């Protein structure tokens, strides 16, 4: 079953200093952390803070191309986690026909924010990640689980570039 999530915020992994986008269900009871790269963290952060650059960024360009092709983003879906890599699909309607485009979750999220489209996650995916099924390394898994449990979703700050 798919559930709608929101971008709760961006944070940094305390060990690697890599950005993490935090997706939360509408009730705020479950959070899905997705490690992303700095470019997408910047794109997501700028959109969350309503910062409009003087010229279109890549995700703005993509949104503009989609609109100019008489298409729209219906939703993005974070679908699975395979070999410690998250996958996503961008669902488009192009002149009345539906299309599904494979994407990195970070790109899909940045596009969804720009197009005011819903972000969905497979319910089982959130449950499996919260159950500690990732990462495979047990020591890393324990460290990550404790860190995630210590996060207060209301105190998540936005990632600053």
Protein backbone atom coordinates (compact mmCIF):
# COMPACT_ATOMS: atom_id res chain seq x y z
CA UNK A 1 0.00 0.00 0.00
CA UNK A 2 1.27 3.48 -0.82
CA UNK A 3 1.20 6.22 1.77
CA UNK A 4 1.73 9.92 1.24
CA UNK A 5 4.76 11.45 2.93
CA UNK A 6 6.16 14.93 3.30
CA UNK A 7 9.71 16.16 3.43
CA UNK A 8 10.18 16.64 7.15
CA UNK A 9 13.59 18.17 6.64
CA UNK A 10 17.19 17.62 5.76
CA UNK A 11 19.90 16.65 8.15
CA UNK A 12 23.48 15.43 8.06
CA UNK A 13 24.70 11.95 8.88
CA UNK A 14 26.82 12.52 12.00
CA UNK A 15 29.45 10.02 10.86
CA UNK A 16 29.80 10.65 7.12
CA UNK A 17 28.50 14.24 6.96
CA UNK A 18 26.37 13.19 3.99
CA UNK A 19 22.95 14.82 3.62
CA UNK A 20 19.84 12.84 4.48
CA UNK A 21 16.34 13.76 3.37
CA UNK A 22 13.78 12.76 5.97
CA UNK A 23 10.38 11.70 4.67
CA UNK A 24 7.60 11.41 7.26
CA UNK A 25 4.11 10.01 7.02
CA UNK A 26 1.26 12.48 7.49
CA UNK A 27 0.81 11.51 11.13
CA UNK A 28 4.52 12.02 11.78
CA UNK A 29 4.78 8.59 13.33
CA UNK A 30 7.17 7.01 10.83
CA UNK A 31 10.21 8.51 9.14
CA UNK A 32 12.14 7.24 6.13
CA UNK A 33 15.73 8.56 5.91
CA UNK A 34 17.27 8.57 2.44
CA UNK A 35 20.94 9.44 2.01
CA UNK A 36 21.40 11.80 -0.93
CA UNK A 37 24.18 13.81 -2.50
CA UNK A 38 24.92 17.46 -1.88
CA UNK A 39 23.54 18.75 -5.20
CA UNK A 40 20.07 17.28 -4.61
CA UNK A 41 20.19 18.35 -0.96
CA UNK A 42 20.78 21.89 -2.18
CA UNK A 43 17.92 21.64 -4.70
CA UNK A 44 15.54 20.30 -2.06
CA UNK A 45 16.65 22.85 0.53
CA UNK A 46 16.20 25.78 -1.85
CA UNK A 47 12.66 24.65 -2.64
CA UNK A 48 11.78 24.09 1.02
CA UNK A 49 12.99 27.60 1.79
CA UNK A 50 11.16 29.09 -1.23
CA UNK A 51 14.42 30.39 -2.66
CA UNK A 52 14.10 31.19 -6.37
CA UNK A 53 17.42 31.32 -8.20
CA UNK A 54 17.86 33.91 -10.96
CA UNK A 55 18.12 31.14 -13.57
CA UNK A 56 16.48 27.69 -13.58
CA UNK A 57 18.27 24.90 -11.77
CA UNK A 58 18.19 21.40 -13.26
CA UNK A 59 15.00 20.37 -11.44
CA UNK A 60 13.34 23.67 -12.43
CA UNK A 61 14.34 22.98 -16.03
CA UNK A 62 12.85 19.50 -15.84
CA UNK A 63 9.60 20.88 -14.41
CA UNK A 64 9.48 23.50 -17.19
CA UNK A 65 10.13 20.91 -19.92
CA UNK A 66 7.38 18.68 -18.54
CA UNK A 67 4.93 21.60 -18.50
CA UNK A 68 5.96 22.75 -22.00
CA UNK A 69 5.30 19.24 -23.31
CA UNK A 70 1.73 19.50 -22.03
CA UNK A 71 2.45 17.01 -19.27
CA UNK A 72 2.24 17.03 -15.51
CA UNK A 73 3.77 15.17 -12.61
CA UNK A 74 1.00 13.15 -10.98
CA UNK A 75 3.12 11.82 -8.14
CA UNK A 76 6.50 10.38 -7.28
CA UNK A 77 6.85 7.06 -5.53
CA UNK A 78 9.83 5.76 -3.56
CA UNK A 79 9.39 2.12 -4.46
CA UNK A 80 12.11 -0.04 -3.03
CA UNK A 81 15.48 -0.47 -1.42
CA UNK A 82 17.81 -2.87 -3.20
CA UNK A 83 21.48 -3.37 -2.29
CA UNK A 84 21.36 -0.28 -0.04
CA UNK A 85 20.07 1.87 -2.93
CA UNK A 86 16.63 3.46 -2.96
CA UNK A 87 14.60 3.56 -6.17
CA UNK A 88 11.80 5.87 -7.25
CA UNK A 89 9.34 6.33 -10.09
CA UNK A 90 8.05 9.64 -11.44
CA UNK A 91 4.46 9.20 -12.64
CA UNK A 92 3.56 11.61 -15.45
CA UNK A 93 0.50 12.27 -17.52
CA UNK A 94 1.52 13.35 -21.03
CA UNK A 95 -1.36 14.57 -23.20
CA UNK A 96 -3.71 12.21 -21.40
CA UNK A 97 -1.38 9.18 -21.40
CA UNK A 98 0.30 7.90 -18.28
CA UNK A 99 4.03 7.28 -18.11
CA UNK A 100 6.36 6.00 -15.40
CA UNK A 101 9.98 7.19 -15.36
CA UNK A 102 12.73 5.57 -13.28
CA UNK A 103 14.53 8.12 -11.08
CA UNK A 104 16.73 8.55 -8.07
CA UNK A 105 14.56 9.40 -5.05
CA UNK A 106 16.41 12.68 -4.51
CA UNK A 107 15.66 13.86 -8.05
CA UNK A 108 12.06 12.67 -7.82
CA UNK A 109 11.58 14.48 -4.49
CA UNK A 110 13.13 17.71 -5.81
CA UNK A 111 10.81 17.55 -8.84
CA UNK A 112 7.75 16.75 -6.70
CA UNK A 113 8.42 19.76 -4.50
CA UNK A 114 8.71 22.03 -7.55
CA UNK A 115 5.55 20.68 -9.15
CA UNK A 116 3.51 20.49 -5.93
CA UNK A 117 3.02 16.77 -6.55
CA UNK A 118 2.45 14.11 -3.89
CA UNK A 119 5.38 12.06 -2.65
CA UNK A 120 4.41 8.47 -1.94
CA UNK A 121 6.27 5.60 -0.29
CA UNK A 122 5.45 1.94 -0.18
CA UNK A 123 4.21 1.20 3.34
CA UNK A 124 6.27 -1.99 3.53
CA UNK A 125 9.43 -0.06 2.62
CA UNK A 126 9.09 2.30 5.58
CA UNK A 127 8.38 -0.65 7.87
CA UNK A 128 11.41 -2.59 6.63
CA UNK A 129 13.76 0.37 7.06
CA UNK A 130 12.37 1.15 10.52
CA UNK A 131 12.82 -2.50 11.44
CA UNK A 132 16.53 -2.02 10.83
CA UNK A 133 16.86 -4.07 7.66
CA UNK A 134 19.38 -1.58 6.30
CA UNK A 135 22.35 -1.33 6.32
CA UNK A 136 23.53 -4.93 6.22
CA UNK A 137 26.47 -4.37 8.59
CA UNK A 138 25.20 -5.17 12.12
CA UNK A 139 27.37 -2.60 13.92
CA UNK A 140 26.38 0.10 11.47
CA UNK A 141 22.76 -1.04 11.73
CA UNK A 142 22.77 -0.67 15.53
CA UNK A 143 24.43 2.77 15.35
CA UNK A 144 21.94 3.95 12.74
CA UNK A 145 18.94 2.59 14.62
CA UNK A 146 19.97 4.37 17.85
CA UNK A 147 20.64 7.60 16.00
CA UNK A 148 17.28 7.48 14.18
CA UNK A 149 15.44 6.73 17.41
CA UNK A 150 17.11 9.74 19.05
CA UNK A 151 15.90 12.14 16.35
CA UNK A 152 13.00 14.38 17.27
CA UNK A 153 11.08 14.93 14.01
CA UNK A 154 9.93 18.34 15.26
CA UNK A 155 13.52 19.50 15.67
CA UNK A 156 14.86 18.46 12.29
CA UNK A 157 16.63 21.44 10.83
CA UNK A 158 16.91 22.22 7.18
CA UNK A 159 20.19 21.42 5.53
CA UNK A 160 22.10 24.66 4.92
CA UNK A 161 24.43 25.01 1.97
